[in-house]
Amino acid sequence: MKKSFDYIKKVNFIPIVLVISIFAITLSGYSVYLYSHKKASLVIFMQSNDTKDARSAVARAIVLKKNNAVNHIEVVFGGDGTIPLAHADQEFKTRLEDAHTAGVVISACGAGMVKNNINIDDLPTFASIFPYGIIRTLDLVSEGYTVMQY
């Protein structure tokens, strides 16, 4: 047993550790560079039926998109979140149009619309409808989007 560990004493590990350290530092620096130059994609999953939450979600999306903080952004109104989208007052409709003009994608959950007796005509014309809002959100996550939930 002593002989099997004797060769370890003879090996100079300093060059090996030095090479591994330089490689790790270079790799981590490159990763930080790539991350800092890559803009994120964001999906905001809005499932609250509270109009204040809906306004806040859309306002946040507009700010992020106009400040060029994200490449792509989508607000998915899922479940009861379809209620404030369908029953928007004029001020909120204007805000939604501003979001659409800025490049924010607005989506609605078809199942939530059925549950809450919402017709297609109740939604803004630019809103996309998907069968299930949560599935749409998960599809976006699988494409690399980060989720923010209301």
Foldseek 3Di string as FASTA:
>chain_A
DVVVCVVVVVDDCVVVVVVVVVVVVVVVVVVVVVVVPAAAEAEEEEADLDLVSVLVVLVVLLVCLVVVRHDAYEYEQFASSVNCQLPPDPVVVVSVVSSVVSHYAYEYALVNCVVVVHDPVSHPPRYHYDPGRVVVVVVVVVVPHDYHYD
